Structures are given as structure tokens and as C-alpha cells.
N, C-alpha and C. Protein backbone atom coordinates (compact mmCIF):
# COMPACT_ATOMS: atom_id res chain seq x y z
N ALA A 1 33.81 -2.28 -6.28
CA ALA A 1 32.84 -1.54 -5.77
C ALA A 1 31.92 -1.99 -4.76
N ALA A 2 32.07 -1.72 -3.76
CA ALA A 2 30.72 -2.21 -3.22
C ALA A 2 29.58 -1.83 -3.99
N ALA A 3 28.39 -3.28 -3.63
CA ALA A 3 27.29 -2.46 -3.65
C ALA A 3 26.47 -1.08 -2.66
N ALA A 4 25.52 -0.54 -3.01
CA ALA A 4 24.92 0.56 -2.24
C ALA A 4 23.96 0.04 -1.15
N PRO A 5 24.58 0.60 -0.40
CA PRO A 5 23.24 -0.16 1.47
C PRO A 5 21.78 -0.05 1.11
N ALA A 6 21.23 -1.75 1.37
CA ALA A 6 19.84 -1.09 0.89
C ALA A 6 18.93 -0.02 1.53
N GLU A 7 18.02 0.69 1.07
CA GLU A 7 17.68 1.85 1.49
C GLU A 7 16.54 0.96 3.20
N LYS A 8 16.30 1.59 4.39
CA LYS A 8 15.77 0.64 5.55
C LYS A 8 14.27 1.30 4.69
N VAL A 9 13.63 0.69 5.36
CA VAL A 9 12.21 0.66 5.61
C VAL A 9 11.65 1.22 6.71
N GLY A 10 11.16 2.31 7.38
CA GLY A 10 10.65 2.83 8.02
C GLY A 10 8.88 3.23 7.75
N TRP A 11 8.89 3.76 9.26
CA TRP A 11 7.73 4.87 9.31
C TRP A 11 7.47 5.47 7.95
N GLN A 12 8.49 6.02 7.72
CA GLN A 12 8.09 7.14 6.60
C GLN A 12 7.72 6.27 5.56
N SER A 13 8.16 5.51 5.24
CA SER A 13 7.92 5.16 4.03
C SER A 13 5.98 4.42 3.79
N PHE A 14 5.65 3.51 5.25
CA PHE A 14 4.38 3.72 5.27
C PHE A 14 3.43 4.83 5.07
N ALA A 15 4.14 6.03 5.97
CA ALA A 15 3.08 7.45 5.30
C ALA A 15 3.38 8.20 4.14
N GLN A 16 4.63 7.99 3.38
CA GLN A 16 4.38 8.40 1.99
C GLN A 16 3.67 7.39 1.47
N GLN A 17 3.66 6.62 1.82
CA GLN A 17 2.39 5.16 0.97
C GLN A 17 1.46 5.60 1.05
N GLY A 18 0.72 5.71 2.09
CA GLY A 18 -0.49 6.51 2.66
C GLY A 18 -0.89 7.27 1.85
N ALA A 19 0.04 8.71 1.69
CA ALA A 19 -0.04 10.19 0.97
C ALA A 19 -0.45 9.85 0.21
N SER A 20 -0.07 8.87 -1.04
CA SER A 20 -0.14 8.58 -1.80
C SER A 20 -1.17 7.48 -2.05
N THR A 21 -1.44 6.60 -1.78
CA THR A 21 -2.69 5.88 -1.89
C THR A 21 -4.32 7.11 -1.39
N GLY A 22 -3.78 7.55 -0.36
CA GLY A 22 -4.91 8.55 -0.13
C GLY A 22 -4.86 9.72 -1.33
N GLY A 23 -4.01 10.29 -2.12
CA GLY A 23 -3.83 11.67 -3.04
C GLY A 23 -4.87 10.35 -4.17
N GLY A 24 -4.44 9.63 -4.88
CA GLY A 24 -4.71 8.62 -5.70
C GLY A 24 -6.61 7.96 -5.32
N PHE A 25 -7.05 7.91 -4.29
CA PHE A 25 -8.11 7.86 -3.73
C PHE A 25 -9.25 9.17 -3.78
N MET A 26 -8.30 9.96 -3.95
CA MET A 26 -9.28 11.27 -3.86
C MET A 26 -9.34 11.65 -5.36
N GLN A 27 -8.18 10.93 -6.59
CA GLN A 27 -8.68 11.95 -7.20
C GLN A 27 -9.54 10.97 -8.17
N GLN A 28 -9.91 9.10 -7.67
CA GLN A 28 -10.68 8.37 -8.15
C GLN A 28 -12.11 8.29 -7.98
N GLY A 29 -12.36 9.18 -6.69
CA GLY A 29 -13.38 9.73 -6.34
C GLY A 29 -13.99 10.96 -6.84
N ALA A 30 -12.81 11.98 -7.76
CA ALA A 30 -13.36 13.23 -7.62
C ALA A 30 -13.86 12.47 -9.52
N GLY A 31 -12.91 11.62 -9.99
CA GLY A 31 -13.47 10.83 -11.26
C GLY A 31 -14.92 10.71 -11.10
N THR A 32 -15.21 9.84 -10.16
CA THR A 32 -16.72 8.46 -10.17
C THR A 32 -17.71 9.72 -9.43
N ALA A 33 -17.15 10.57 -8.81
CA ALA A 33 -18.38 12.02 -8.90
C ALA A 33 -19.38 12.81 -9.93
N GLN A 34 -17.82 12.94 -11.00
CA GLN A 34 -17.92 13.49 -11.93
C GLN A 34 -18.96 12.67 -13.42
N ALA A 35 -18.17 11.73 -13.20
CA ALA A 35 -18.86 10.46 -13.77
C ALA A 35 -20.33 9.93 -13.23
N PHE A 36 -21.02 10.81 -12.05
CA PHE A 36 -22.30 10.18 -11.80
C PHE A 36 -22.88 11.14 -12.12
N MET A 37 -22.84 12.82 -11.79
CA MET A 37 -22.73 13.72 -11.89
C MET A 37 -23.00 14.11 -13.80
N THR A 38 -22.67 13.16 -14.41
CA THR A 38 -22.31 14.21 -16.40
C THR A 38 -22.90 12.58 -17.30
N ASP A 39 -22.94 11.74 -16.83
CA ASP A 39 -22.67 10.30 -17.38
C ASP A 39 -24.04 10.01 -17.22
N PRO A 40 -24.86 9.94 -18.28
CA PRO A 40 -26.61 9.55 -18.57
C PRO A 40 -26.29 8.01 -18.43
N ASN A 41 -24.98 6.62 -18.76
CA ASN A 41 -25.12 5.87 -18.62
C ASN A 41 -24.10 5.20 -17.63
N PHE A 42 -23.83 5.91 -16.81
CA PHE A 42 -23.19 5.43 -15.63
C PHE A 42 -23.06 4.47 -14.88
N ASP A 43 -21.68 3.44 -14.70
CA ASP A 43 -22.36 1.89 -14.37
C ASP A 43 -21.47 2.03 -12.98
N PHE A 44 -22.16 1.45 -12.17
CA PHE A 44 -22.44 1.86 -10.81
C PHE A 44 -21.15 0.48 -10.36
N GLN A 45 -21.61 -0.91 -11.32
CA GLN A 45 -21.09 -2.14 -10.85
C GLN A 45 -19.52 -1.52 -12.07
N LYS A 46 -19.54 -1.46 -12.78
CA LYS A 46 -17.77 -0.85 -13.31
C LYS A 46 -17.22 0.03 -12.40
N GLU A 47 -17.53 1.14 -11.08
CA GLU A 47 -16.80 1.61 -10.78
C GLU A 47 -16.59 1.26 -9.59
N GLY A 48 -17.28 0.46 -9.31
CA GLY A 48 -17.72 -0.69 -8.17
C GLY A 48 -16.18 -1.60 -8.16
N GLU A 49 -16.34 -1.92 -9.49
CA GLU A 49 -14.78 -2.72 -10.04
C GLU A 49 -13.14 -2.28 -9.77
N ALA A 50 -13.49 -0.92 -10.04
CA ALA A 50 -12.45 0.03 -10.49
C ALA A 50 -11.95 -0.06 -8.65
N TYR A 51 -13.01 0.65 -7.73
CA TYR A 51 -12.60 0.97 -6.27
C TYR A 51 -11.85 -1.06 -5.96
N LYS A 52 -12.20 -1.87 -6.42
CA LYS A 52 -11.73 -2.83 -6.11
C LYS A 52 -10.37 -3.15 -6.44
N ALA A 53 -10.09 -2.68 -7.56
CA ALA A 53 -8.95 -3.01 -7.86
C ALA A 53 -7.92 -1.82 -7.58
N SER A 54 -7.92 -0.50 -7.16
CA SER A 54 -7.50 -0.03 -6.11
C SER A 54 -7.32 -0.23 -5.18
N GLY A 55 -8.63 -1.02 -4.02
CA GLY A 55 -8.00 -1.65 -3.04
C GLY A 55 -7.15 -2.67 -3.13
N ALA A 56 -7.30 -3.18 -3.80
CA ALA A 56 -6.21 -4.23 -4.20
C ALA A 56 -5.05 -4.38 -4.01
N GLN A 57 -4.69 -2.89 -5.10
CA GLN A 57 -3.28 -2.62 -5.20
C GLN A 57 -2.87 -1.42 -3.72
N THR A 58 -3.88 -0.74 -3.20
CA THR A 58 -2.94 -0.47 -2.27
C THR A 58 -2.50 -1.29 -1.10
N GLN A 59 -2.87 -2.62 -1.19
CA GLN A 59 -2.91 -3.83 -0.20
C GLN A 59 -1.70 -4.25 -0.88
N SER A 60 -1.51 -4.64 -1.77
CA SER A 60 -0.31 -4.70 -2.84
C SER A 60 0.59 -4.01 -1.91
N SER A 61 0.53 -2.38 -2.39
CA SER A 61 1.62 -1.55 -2.03
C SER A 61 2.17 -1.89 -0.33
N PHE A 62 0.96 -1.81 0.37
CA PHE A 62 1.52 -1.73 2.22
C PHE A 62 1.72 -3.22 1.95
N GLY A 63 1.35 -4.23 1.71
CA GLY A 63 1.79 -5.86 1.75
C GLY A 63 3.77 -5.53 1.09
N ALA A 64 3.63 -5.04 0.15
CA ALA A 64 5.11 -5.20 -0.44
C ALA A 64 6.11 -5.05 0.88
N LEU A 65 6.00 -3.09 1.67
CA LEU A 65 6.65 -2.69 2.14
C LEU A 65 6.88 -3.24 3.77
N GLY A 66 6.07 -3.81 4.00
CA GLY A 66 5.72 -5.19 5.40
C GLY A 66 6.51 -5.48 4.99
N ARG A 67 6.39 -6.66 3.63
CA ARG A 67 7.06 -7.74 3.59
C ARG A 67 8.75 -7.06 3.75
N GLU A 68 8.86 -5.98 3.50
CA GLU A 68 10.74 -5.73 3.39
C GLU A 68 11.36 -5.55 4.62
N LYS A 69 10.51 -4.39 5.49
CA LYS A 69 10.38 -4.45 6.77
C LYS A 69 10.77 -5.68 7.59
N ALA A 70 9.69 -7.41 7.44
CA ALA A 70 9.94 -7.84 7.87
C ALA A 70 11.15 -8.79 7.26
N ALA A 71 11.84 -8.27 6.13
CA ALA A 71 13.19 -9.47 5.87
C ALA A 71 14.61 -8.61 6.14
N GLU A 72 13.56 -7.21 6.50
CA GLU A 72 14.95 -6.46 6.97
C GLU A 72 14.93 -6.48 8.43
N ALA A 73 14.53 -7.48 8.75
CA ALA A 73 14.23 -7.81 10.90
C ALA A 73 14.55 -8.76 10.95
N ALA A 74 14.91 -10.16 9.66
CA ALA A 74 14.92 -11.58 9.99
C ALA A 74 16.45 -11.61 10.46
N PRO A 75 17.51 -10.99 9.43
CA PRO A 75 18.67 -11.25 10.60
C PRO A 75 18.87 -11.63 11.69
N ALA A 76 18.04 -10.07 12.27
CA ALA A 76 18.12 -10.18 13.52
C ALA A 76 18.14 -10.16 14.53
N ALA A 77 16.70 -10.85 13.87
CA ALA A 77 16.06 -11.86 14.88
C ALA A 77 16.05 -13.42 15.17
N GLU A 78 17.25 -13.93 14.50
CA GLU A 78 17.76 -15.33 13.75
C GLU A 78 18.03 -15.98 15.11
N GLY A 79 17.65 -16.64 15.21
CA GLY A 79 17.65 -17.42 17.19
C GLY A 79 17.03 -16.90 18.04
N ALA A 80 16.24 -15.28 17.75
CA ALA A 80 15.08 -15.65 19.03
C ALA A 80 13.78 -15.91 18.54
N LYS A 81 13.10 -16.12 20.06
CA LYS A 81 11.56 -16.99 18.88
C LYS A 81 10.70 -16.09 19.05
N ALA A 82 10.37 -16.72 17.91
CA ALA A 82 9.21 -16.04 17.34
C ALA A 82 7.92 -15.96 17.45
N ARG A 83 8.13 -14.15 17.86
CA ARG A 83 6.25 -14.10 18.98
C ARG A 83 4.83 -14.20 17.96
N GLY A 84 5.44 -14.07 16.23
CA GLY A 84 4.39 -12.89 16.27
C GLY A 84 3.88 -11.64 16.06
N GLY A 85 3.17 -11.28 15.08
CA GLY A 85 2.50 -9.49 15.14
C GLY A 85 3.86 -8.85 14.28
N TRP A 86 3.30 -7.84 14.38
CA TRP A 86 3.86 -7.14 13.23
C TRP A 86 5.96 -6.61 14.02
N MET A 87 5.70 -6.27 15.45
CA MET A 87 7.24 -6.31 15.50
C MET A 87 7.99 -7.21 15.66
N PRO A 88 9.04 -7.32 15.17
CA PRO A 88 10.13 -8.09 15.84
C PRO A 88 10.97 -8.47 16.80
N PHE A 89 10.19 -7.79 17.73
CA PHE A 89 11.01 -8.46 18.91
C PHE A 89 10.08 -9.01 20.14
């Protein structure tokens, strides 16, 4: 039995990741606003660290998509002169 072909990473994957990231930040922002308004011991430092962690996760998620895209383009670009940038041409 042949293995299933690997799913190609296109702009849709980036759009889906962006929508997911946006939804996560929206929920985080709503939670922060609620805590700010209702928690007498609201900790700006703690909230800032949570946002830094979310940002790092976002960077990691988009970075993984970019690495998949680069790996997908690598076999096609063998022998071609490397020009840098995000486009494989």
C-alpha cells in the first residue's frame, strides 16, 4: 500500500493559522479585560508574560508552516541558484 501524499502548504494554511491566532488573541484580550476590571490583584507583569508566550507560540506555528513550505520547494529548486527570501524562485 502506498503512503498518502503529503498535504501541500499553500496560502490557505497560513490564512487558517492566522484566523486561529486571531481568535486566540481575541479570547486572551477579553480575559485580560475582564480580569483588569474585576480582579483587585490584577498583575500586569503576569499578563505581559502570558502575551509574550502567546506571541512565541504564534511565531512557532507560522514558522512551522514556513519550514514545511521551504521543504516542499527544496526538491524542485535543486540545482537552482539560491536567491534568498520566501519565494522558491
